[in-house]
Amino acid sequence: MAETLLEKAPKAVKSELRSGAAILSDRFAEGIEFAKKVGKTGSDAAEEFMDDTTQRIKRHPAETVVGAFAVGIILGGFMSWLFNRK
């Protein structure tokens, strides 16, 4: 009887390891699915932002040009100040 318990013990340990591996595998799969959902949500948000930006440019072209020019002047001035200081 003692021999049969010793023979069965490794099988029990193996089944526990398998269940642990199965748990890790399930958690890994859940993590991948979550990452896919987050990526999809981020992609949808970026696409919606681009669509909104395109519509705004079409509705207000003059404001867009003036705004882009202003941002360019400000960034140029900042970079000039940054590179020319001693």
PDB file of N, CA and C in Angstrom:
ATOM      1  N   MET A   1       0.821  -1.192   0.000  1.00  0.00           N
ATOM      2  CA  MET A   1       0.000   0.000   0.000  1.00  0.00           C
ATOM      3  C   MET A   1       0.865   1.254   0.000  1.00  0.00           C
ATOM      4  N   ALA A   2       1.978   1.230   0.705  1.00  0.00           N
ATOM      5  CA  ALA A   2       2.876   2.381   0.740  1.00  0.00           C
ATOM      6  C   ALA A   2       3.443   2.652  -0.647  1.00  0.00           C
ATOM      7  N   GLU A   3       3.711   1.622  -1.391  1.00  0.00           N
ATOM      8  CA  GLU A   3       4.247   1.808  -2.727  1.00  0.00           C
ATOM      9  C   GLU A   3       3.223   2.473  -3.642  1.00  0.00           C
ATOM     10  N   THR A   4       1.984   2.114  -3.508  1.00  0.00           N
ATOM     11  CA  THR A   4       0.973   2.719  -4.361  1.00  0.00           C
ATOM     12  C   THR A   4       0.794   4.196  -4.041  1.00  0.00           C
ATOM     13  N   LEU A   5       0.919   4.592  -2.776  1.00  0.00           N
ATOM     14  CA  LEU A   5       0.830   6.012  -2.425  1.00  0.00           C
ATOM     15  C   LEU A   5       2.010   6.786  -3.004  1.00  0.00           C
ATOM     16  N   LEU A   6       3.206   6.190  -2.935  1.00  0.00           N
ATOM     17  CA  LEU A   6       4.379   6.856  -3.493  1.00  0.00           C
ATOM     18  C   LEU A   6       4.279   6.960  -5.006  1.00  0.00           C
ATOM     19  N   GLU A   7       3.693   5.946  -5.617  1.00  0.00           N
ATOM     20  CA  GLU A   7       3.535   5.989  -7.065  1.00  0.00           C
ATOM     21  C   GLU A   7       2.499   7.030  -7.472  1.00  0.00           C
ATOM     22  N   LYS A   8       1.486   7.202  -6.676  1.00  0.00           N
ATOM     23  CA  LYS A   8       0.428   8.157  -7.002  1.00  0.00           C
ATOM     24  C   LYS A   8       0.819   9.602  -6.674  1.00  0.00           C
ATOM     25  N   ALA A   9       1.721   9.797  -5.758  1.00  0.00           N
ATOM     26  CA  ALA A   9       2.100  11.151  -5.353  1.00  0.00           C
ATOM     27  C   ALA A   9       2.633  11.980  -6.517  1.00  0.00           C
ATOM     28  N   PRO A  10       3.542  11.470  -7.314  1.00  0.00           N
ATOM     29  CA  PRO A  10       3.998  12.301  -8.430  1.00  0.00           C
ATOM     30  C   PRO A  10       2.880  12.669  -9.399  1.00  0.00           C
ATOM     31  N   LYS A  11       1.926  11.783  -9.586  1.00  0.00           N
ATOM     32  CA  LYS A  11       0.804  12.094 -10.472  1.00  0.00           C
ATOM     33  C   LYS A  11      -0.021  13.245  -9.900  1.00  0.00           C
ATOM     34  N   ALA A  12      -0.198  13.239  -8.585  1.00  0.00           N
ATOM     35  CA  ALA A  12      -0.958  14.317  -7.961  1.00  0.00           C
ATOM     36  C   ALA A  12      -0.223  15.635  -8.109  1.00  0.00           C
ATOM     37  N   VAL A  13       1.077  15.607  -7.921  1.00  0.00           N
ATOM     38  CA  VAL A  13       1.871  16.814  -8.077  1.00  0.00           C
ATOM     39  C   VAL A  13       1.812  17.292  -9.527  1.00  0.00           C
ATOM     40  N   LYS A  14       1.913  16.370 -10.476  1.00  0.00           N
ATOM     41  CA  LYS A  14       1.834  16.733 -11.889  1.00  0.00           C
ATOM     42  C   LYS A  14       0.489  17.352 -12.223  1.00  0.00           C
ATOM     43  N   SER A  15      -0.598  16.799 -11.659  1.00  0.00           N
ATOM     44  CA  SER A  15      -1.914  17.365 -11.957  1.00  0.00           C
ATOM     45  C   SER A  15      -2.046  18.762 -11.363  1.00  0.00           C
ATOM     46  N   GLU A  16      -1.421  18.989 -10.183  1.00  0.00           N
ATOM     47  CA  GLU A  16      -1.447  20.335  -9.608  1.00  0.00           C
ATOM     48  C   GLU A  16      -0.658  21.305 -10.468  1.00  0.00           C
ATOM     49  N   LEU A  17       0.482  20.847 -10.985  1.00  0.00           N
ATOM     50  CA  LEU A  17       1.267  21.692 -11.862  1.00  0.00           C
ATOM     51  C   LEU A  17       0.520  21.981 -13.152  1.00  0.00           C
ATOM     52  N   ARG A  18      -0.156  20.988 -13.671  1.00  0.00           N
ATOM     53  CA  ARG A  18      -0.946  21.203 -14.885  1.00  0.00           C
ATOM     54  C   ARG A  18      -2.049  22.216 -14.627  1.00  0.00           C
ATOM     55  N   SER A  19      -2.703  22.097 -13.486  1.00  0.00           N
ATOM     56  CA  SER A  19      -3.771  23.047 -13.203  1.00  0.00           C
ATOM     57  C   SER A  19      -3.194  24.448 -13.006  1.00  0.00           C
ATOM     58  N   GLY A  20      -2.005  24.540 -12.413  1.00  0.00           N
ATOM     59  CA  GLY A  20      -1.354  25.838 -12.279  1.00  0.00           C
ATOM     60  C   GLY A  20      -0.990  26.410 -13.639  1.00  0.00           C
ATOM     61  N   ALA A  21      -0.491  25.552 -14.519  1.00  0.00           N
ATOM     62  CA  ALA A  21      -0.161  25.986 -15.873  1.00  0.00           C
ATOM     63  C   ALA A  21      -1.426  26.384 -16.620  1.00  0.00           C
ATOM     64  N   ALA A  22      -2.494  25.652 -16.397  1.00  0.00           N
ATOM     65  CA  ALA A  22      -3.760  25.993 -17.049  1.00  0.00           C
ATOM     66  C   ALA A  22      -4.269  27.338 -16.552  1.00  0.00           C
ATOM     67  N   ILE A  23      -4.093  27.576 -15.261  1.00  0.00           N
ATOM     68  CA  ILE A  23      -4.514  28.865 -14.698  1.00  0.00           C
ATOM     69  C   ILE A  23      -3.688  29.997 -15.310  1.00  0.00           C
ATOM     70  N   LEU A  24      -2.373  29.787 -15.395  1.00  0.00           N
ATOM     71  CA  LEU A  24      -1.523  30.809 -16.008  1.00  0.00           C
ATOM     72  C   LEU A  24      -1.889  31.028 -17.465  1.00  0.00           C
ATOM     73  N   SER A  25      -2.179  29.949 -18.146  1.00  0.00           N
ATOM     74  CA  SER A  25      -2.565  30.060 -19.549  1.00  0.00           C
ATOM     75  C   SER A  25      -3.866  30.847 -19.695  1.00  0.00           C
ATOM     76  N   ASP A  26      -4.820  30.568 -18.822  1.00  0.00           N
ATOM     77  CA  ASP A  26      -6.086  31.306 -18.859  1.00  0.00           C
ATOM     78  C   ASP A  26      -5.872  32.790 -18.553  1.00  0.00           C
ATOM     79  N   ARG A  27      -5.043  33.071 -17.554  1.00  0.00           N
ATOM     80  CA  ARG A  27      -4.773  34.464 -17.196  1.00  0.00           C
ATOM     81  C   ARG A  27      -4.064  35.181 -18.342  1.00  0.00           C
ATOM     82  N   PHE A  28      -3.131  34.489 -18.969  1.00  0.00           N
ATOM     83  CA  PHE A  28      -2.418  35.067 -20.105  1.00  0.00           C
ATOM     84  C   PHE A  28      -3.380  35.376 -21.244  1.00  0.00           C
ATOM     85  N   ALA A  29      -4.289  34.443 -21.515  1.00  0.00           N
ATOM     86  CA  ALA A  29      -5.285  34.659 -22.572  1.00  0.00           C
ATOM     87  C   ALA A  29      -6.194  35.834 -22.226  1.00  0.00           C
ATOM     88  N   GLU A  30      -6.585  35.949 -20.955  1.00  0.00           N
ATOM     89  CA  GLU A  30      -7.409  37.075 -20.535  1.00  0.00           C
ATOM     90  C   GLU A  30      -6.657  38.394 -20.702  1.00  0.00           C
ATOM     91  N   GLY A  31      -5.365  38.379 -20.387  1.00  0.00           N
ATOM     92  CA  GLY A  31      -4.549  39.574 -20.552  1.00  0.00           C
ATOM     93  C   GLY A  31      -4.443  39.987 -22.013  1.00  0.00           C
ATOM     94  N   ILE A  32      -4.286  39.016 -22.883  1.00  0.00           N
ATOM     95  CA  ILE A  32      -4.216  39.311 -24.315  1.00  0.00           C
ATOM     96  C   ILE A  32      -5.532  39.888 -24.807  1.00  0.00           C
ATOM     97  N   GLU A  33      -6.641  39.315 -24.391  1.00  0.00           N
ATOM     98  CA  GLU A  33      -7.952  39.830 -24.792  1.00  0.00           C
ATOM     99  C   GLU A  33      -8.157  41.257 -24.283  1.00  0.00           C
ATOM    100  N   PHE A  34      -7.730  41.514 -23.050  1.00  0.00           N
ATOM    101  CA  PHE A  34      -7.852  42.864 -22.493  1.00  0.00           C
ATOM    102  C   PHE A  34      -7.007  43.851 -23.297  1.00  0.00           C
ATOM    103  N   ALA A  35      -5.782  43.453 -23.631  1.00  0.00           N
ATOM    104  CA  ALA A  35      -4.907  44.326 -24.419  1.00  0.00           C
ATOM    105  C   ALA A  35      -5.513  44.602 -25.793  1.00  0.00           C
ATOM    106  N   LYS A  36      -6.139  43.600 -26.390  1.00  0.00           N
ATOM    107  CA  LYS A  36      -6.793  43.802 -27.686  1.00  0.00           C
ATOM    108  C   LYS A  36      -7.944  44.797 -27.560  1.00  0.00           C
ATOM    109  N   LYS A  37      -8.727  44.677 -26.492  1.00  0.00           N
ATOM    110  CA  LYS A  37      -9.844  45.607 -26.286  1.00  0.00           C
ATOM    111  C   LYS A  37      -9.341  47.030 -26.076  1.00  0.00           C
ATOM    112  N   VAL A  38      -8.281  47.176 -25.290  1.00  0.00           N
ATOM    113  CA  VAL A  38      -7.717  48.505 -25.048  1.00  0.00           C
ATOM    114  C   VAL A  38      -7.176  49.083 -26.346  1.00  0.00           C
ATOM    115  N   GLY A  39      -6.489  48.259 -27.121  1.00  0.00           N
ATOM    116  CA  GLY A  39      -5.975  48.717 -28.412  1.00  0.00           C
ATOM    117  C   GLY A  39      -7.079  49.127 -29.355  1.00  0.00           C
ATOM    118  N   LYS A  40      -8.145  48.357 -29.388  1.00  0.00           N
ATOM    119  CA  LYS A  40      -9.282  48.671 -30.251  1.00  0.00           C
ATOM    120  C   LYS A  40      -9.932  49.984 -29.806  1.00  0.00           C
ATOM    121  N   THR A  41     -10.093  50.165 -28.508  1.00  0.00           N
ATOM    122  CA  THR A  41     -10.684  51.394 -27.988  1.00  0.00           C
ATOM    123  C   THR A  41      -9.814  52.597 -28.328  1.00  0.00           C
ATOM    124  N   GLY A  42      -8.492  52.449 -28.152  1.00  0.00           N
ATOM    125  CA  GLY A  42      -7.580  53.538 -28.497  1.00  0.00           C
ATOM    126  C   GLY A  42      -7.592  53.842 -29.978  1.00  0.00           C
ATOM    127  N   SER A  43      -7.661  52.807 -30.783  1.00  0.00           N
ATOM    128  CA  SER A  43      -7.710  52.996 -32.233  1.00  0.00           C
ATOM    129  C   SER A  43      -8.992  53.707 -32.643  1.00  0.00           C
ATOM    130  N   ASP A  44     -10.102  53.307 -32.053  1.00  0.00           N
ATOM    131  CA  ASP A  44     -11.383  53.963 -32.355  1.00  0.00           C
ATOM    132  C   ASP A  44     -11.364  55.437 -31.930  1.00  0.00           C
ATOM    133  N   ALA A  45     -10.767  55.711 -30.763  1.00  0.00           N
ATOM    134  CA  ALA A  45     -10.698  57.089 -30.282  1.00  0.00           C
ATOM    135  C   ALA A  45      -9.823  57.937 -31.205  1.00  0.00           C
ATOM    136  N   ALA A  46      -8.701  57.383 -31.653  1.00  0.00           N
ATOM    137  CA  ALA A  46      -7.814  58.126 -32.557  1.00  0.00           C
ATOM    138  C   ALA A  46      -8.499  58.389 -33.895  1.00  0.00           C
ATOM    139  N   GLU A  47      -9.227  57.404 -34.389  1.00  0.00           N
ATOM    140  CA  GLU A  47      -9.948  57.578 -35.659  1.00  0.00           C
ATOM    141  C   GLU A  47     -11.031  58.643 -35.528  1.00  0.00           C
ATOM    142  N   GLU A  48     -11.752  58.627 -34.407  1.00  0.00           N
ATOM    143  CA  GLU A  48     -12.789  59.634 -34.175  1.00  0.00           C
ATOM    144  C   GLU A  48     -12.175  61.030 -34.056  1.00  0.00           C
ATOM    145  N   PHE A  49     -11.028  61.126 -33.388  1.00  0.00           N
ATOM    146  CA  PHE A  49     -10.333  62.412 -33.260  1.00  0.00           C
ATOM    147  C   PHE A  49      -9.916  62.934 -34.632  1.00  0.00           C
ATOM    148  N   MET A  50      -9.404  62.052 -35.481  1.00  0.00           N
ATOM    149  CA  MET A  50      -8.996  62.464 -36.831  1.00  0.00           C
ATOM    150  C   MET A  50     -10.202  62.932 -37.648  1.00  0.00           C
ATOM    151  N   ASP A  51     -11.316  62.226 -37.520  1.00  0.00           N
ATOM    152  CA  ASP A  51     -12.526  62.632 -38.238  1.00  0.00           C
ATOM    153  C   ASP A  51     -13.022  63.995 -37.760  1.00  0.00           C
ATOM    154  N   ASP A  52     -13.009  64.193 -36.439  1.00  0.00           N
ATOM    155  CA  ASP A  52     -13.434  65.485 -35.891  1.00  0.00           C
ATOM    156  C   ASP A  52     -12.510  66.611 -36.346  1.00  0.00           C
ATOM    157  N   THR A  53     -11.213  66.329 -36.376  1.00  0.00           N
ATOM    158  CA  THR A  53     -10.247  67.332 -36.815  1.00  0.00           C
ATOM    159  C   THR A  53     -10.455  67.686 -38.284  1.00  0.00           C
ATOM    160  N   THR A  54     -10.691  66.676 -39.091  1.00  0.00           N
ATOM    161  CA  THR A  54     -10.939  66.911 -40.518  1.00  0.00           C
ATOM    162  C   THR A  54     -12.185  67.771 -40.717  1.00  0.00           C
ATOM    163  N   GLN A  55     -13.235  67.476 -39.998  1.00  0.00           N
ATOM    164  CA  GLN A  55     -14.460  68.269 -40.102  1.00  0.00           C
ATOM    165  C   GLN A  55     -14.237  69.705 -39.630  1.00  0.00           C
ATOM    166  N   ARG A  56     -13.464  69.872 -38.557  1.00  0.00           N
ATOM    167  CA  ARG A  56     -13.190  71.232 -38.060  1.00  0.00           C
ATOM    168  C   ARG A  56     -12.402  72.024 -39.087  1.00  0.00           C
ATOM    169  N   ILE A  57     -11.423  71.388 -39.735  1.00  0.00           N
ATOM    170  CA  ILE A  57     -10.630  72.076 -40.761  1.00  0.00           C
ATOM    171  C   ILE A  57     -11.523  72.484 -41.928  1.00  0.00           C
ATOM    172  N   LYS A  58     -12.453  71.616 -42.299  1.00  0.00           N
ATOM    173  CA  LYS A  58     -13.352  71.951 -43.407  1.00  0.00           C
ATOM    174  C   LYS A  58     -14.294  73.094 -43.039  1.00  0.00           C
ATOM    175  N   ARG A  59     -14.739  73.149 -41.783  1.00  0.00           N
ATOM    176  CA  ARG A  59     -15.670  74.195 -41.370  1.00  0.00           C
ATOM    177  C   ARG A  59     -14.992  75.528 -41.127  1.00  0.00           C
ATOM    178  N   HIS A  60     -13.757  75.507 -40.614  1.00  0.00           N
ATOM    179  CA  HIS A  60     -13.049  76.731 -40.230  1.00  0.00           C
ATOM    180  C   HIS A  60     -11.638  76.742 -40.817  1.00  0.00           C
ATOM    181  N   PRO A  61     -11.504  76.868 -42.135  1.00  0.00           N
ATOM    182  CA  PRO A  61     -10.157  76.796 -42.733  1.00  0.00           C
ATOM    183  C   PRO A  61      -9.254  77.973 -42.341  1.00  0.00           C
ATOM    184  N   ALA A  62      -9.809  79.173 -42.231  1.00  0.00           N
ATOM    185  CA  ALA A  62      -8.985  80.344 -41.901  1.00  0.00           C
ATOM    186  C   ALA A  62      -8.439  80.232 -40.481  1.00  0.00           C
ATOM    187  N   GLU A  63      -9.285  79.856 -39.543  1.00  0.00           N
ATOM    188  CA  GLU A  63      -8.833  79.694 -38.158  1.00  0.00           C
ATOM    189  C   GLU A  63      -7.743  78.626 -38.069  1.00  0.00           C
ATOM    190  N   THR A  64      -7.869  77.584 -38.857  1.00  0.00           N
ATOM    191  CA  THR A  64      -6.891  76.501 -38.840  1.00  0.00           C
ATOM    192  C   THR A  64      -5.533  76.997 -39.335  1.00  0.00           C
ATOM    193  N   VAL A  65      -5.535  77.758 -40.415  1.00  0.00           N
ATOM    194  CA  VAL A  65      -4.277  78.279 -40.958  1.00  0.00           C
ATOM    195  C   VAL A  65      -3.641  79.248 -39.977  1.00  0.00           C
ATOM    196  N   VAL A  66      -4.429  80.149 -39.407  1.00  0.00           N
ATOM    197  CA  VAL A  66      -3.904  81.119 -38.443  1.00  0.00           C
ATOM    198  C   VAL A  66      -3.368  80.394 -37.204  1.00  0.00           C
ATOM    199  N   GLY A  67      -4.100  79.402 -36.732  1.00  0.00           N
ATOM    200  CA  GLY A  67      -3.651  78.640 -35.563  1.00  0.00           C
ATOM    201  C   GLY A  67      -2.351  77.895 -35.829  1.00  0.00           C
ATOM    202  N   ALA A  68      -2.244  77.272 -36.991  1.00  0.00           N
ATOM    203  CA  ALA A  68      -1.013  76.559 -37.339  1.00  0.00           C
ATOM    204  C   ALA A  68       0.155  77.529 -37.457  1.00  0.00           C
ATOM    205  N   PHE A  69      -0.083  78.695 -38.046  1.00  0.00           N
ATOM    206  CA  PHE A  69       0.955  79.717 -38.178  1.00  0.00           C
ATOM    207  C   PHE A  69       1.410  80.192 -36.799  1.00  0.00           C
ATOM    208  N   ALA A  70       0.467  80.424 -35.903  1.00  0.00           N
ATOM    209  CA  ALA A  70       0.794  80.892 -34.555  1.00  0.00           C
ATOM    210  C   ALA A  70       1.615  79.849 -33.801  1.00  0.00           C
ATOM    211  N   VAL A  71       1.218  78.597 -33.909  1.00  0.00           N
ATOM    212  CA  VAL A  71       1.965  77.538 -33.231  1.00  0.00           C
ATOM    213  C   VAL A  71       3.375  77.445 -33.793  1.00  0.00           C
ATOM    214  N   GLY A  72       3.528  77.598 -35.112  1.00  0.00           N
ATOM    215  CA  GLY A  72       4.850  77.569 -35.732  1.00  0.00           C
ATOM    216  C   GLY A  72       5.732  78.705 -35.257  1.00  0.00           C
ATOM    217  N   ILE A  73       5.162  79.917 -35.163  1.00  0.00           N
ATOM    218  CA  ILE A  73       5.915  81.081 -34.687  1.00  0.00           C
ATOM    219  C   ILE A  73       6.345  80.873 -33.235  1.00  0.00           C
ATOM    220  N   ILE A  74       5.435  80.398 -32.403  1.00  0.00           N
ATOM    221  CA  ILE A  74       5.753  80.183 -30.985  1.00  0.00           C
ATOM    222  C   ILE A  74       6.835  79.117 -30.831  1.00  0.00           C
ATOM    223  N   LEU A  75       6.690  77.989 -31.521  1.00  0.00           N
ATOM    224  CA  LEU A  75       7.714  76.942 -31.430  1.00  0.00           C
ATOM    225  C   LEU A  75       9.051  77.406 -31.986  1.00  0.00           C
ATOM    226  N   GLY A  76       9.030  78.145 -33.082  1.00  0.00           N
ATOM    227  CA  GLY A  76      10.268  78.684 -33.648  1.00  0.00           C
ATOM    228  C   GLY A  76      10.961  79.642 -32.691  1.00  0.00           C
ATOM    229  N   GLY A  77      10.198  80.523 -32.068  1.00  0.00           N
ATOM    230  CA  GLY A  77      10.755  81.449 -31.086  1.00  0.00           C
ATOM    231  C   GLY A  77      11.328  80.729 -29.881  1.00  0.00           C
ATOM    232  N   PHE A  78      10.622  79.723 -29.422  1.00  0.00           N
ATOM    233  CA  PHE A  78      11.097  78.955 -28.272  1.00  0.00           C
ATOM    234  C   PHE A  78      12.394  78.214 -28.607  1.00  0.00           C
ATOM    235  N   MET A  79      12.449  77.595 -29.792  1.00  0.00           N
ATOM    236  CA  MET A  79      13.655  76.873 -30.189  1.00  0.00           C
ATOM    237  C   MET A  79      14.818  77.840 -30.397  1.00  0.00           C
ATOM    238  N   SER A  80      14.548  79.005 -30.970  1.00  0.00           N
ATOM    239  CA  SER A  80      15.579  80.015 -31.155  1.00  0.00           C
ATOM    240  C   SER A  80      16.128  80.469 -29.808  1.00  0.00           C
ATOM    241  N   TRP A  81      15.240  80.724 -28.870  1.00  0.00           N
ATOM    242  CA  TRP A  81      15.653  81.125 -27.533  1.00  0.00           C
ATOM    243  C   TRP A  81      16.453  80.016 -26.854  1.00  0.00           C
ATOM    244  N   LEU A  82      16.023  78.769 -27.045  1.00  0.00           N
ATOM    245  CA  LEU A  82      16.687  77.633 -26.422  1.00  0.00           C
ATOM    246  C   LEU A  82      18.095  77.443 -26.961  1.00  0.00           C
ATOM    247  N   PHE A  83      18.291  77.587 -28.264  1.00  0.00           N
ATOM    248  CA  PHE A  83      19.597  77.356 -28.863  1.00  0.00           C
ATOM    249  C   PHE A  83      20.549  78.551 -28.723  1.00  0.00           C
ATOM    250  N   ASN A  84      20.003  79.757 -28.567  1.00  0.00           N
ATOM    251  CA  ASN A  84      20.842  80.952 -28.513  1.00  0.00           C
ATOM    252  C   ASN A  84      21.207  81.385 -27.088  1.00  0.00           C
ATOM    253  N   ARG A  85      20.696  80.760 -26.082  1.00  0.00           N
ATOM    254  CA  ARG A  85      21.047  81.195 -24.728  1.00  0.00           C
ATOM    255  C   ARG A  85      22.412  80.627 -24.337  1.00  0.00           C
ATOM    256  N   LYS A  86      23.050  81.339 -23.480  1.00  0.00           N
ATOM    257  CA  LYS A  86      24.422  80.954 -23.108  1.00  0.00           C
ATOM    258  C   LYS A  86      24.498  80.529 -21.684  1.00  0.00           C
TER     259      LYS A  86
END
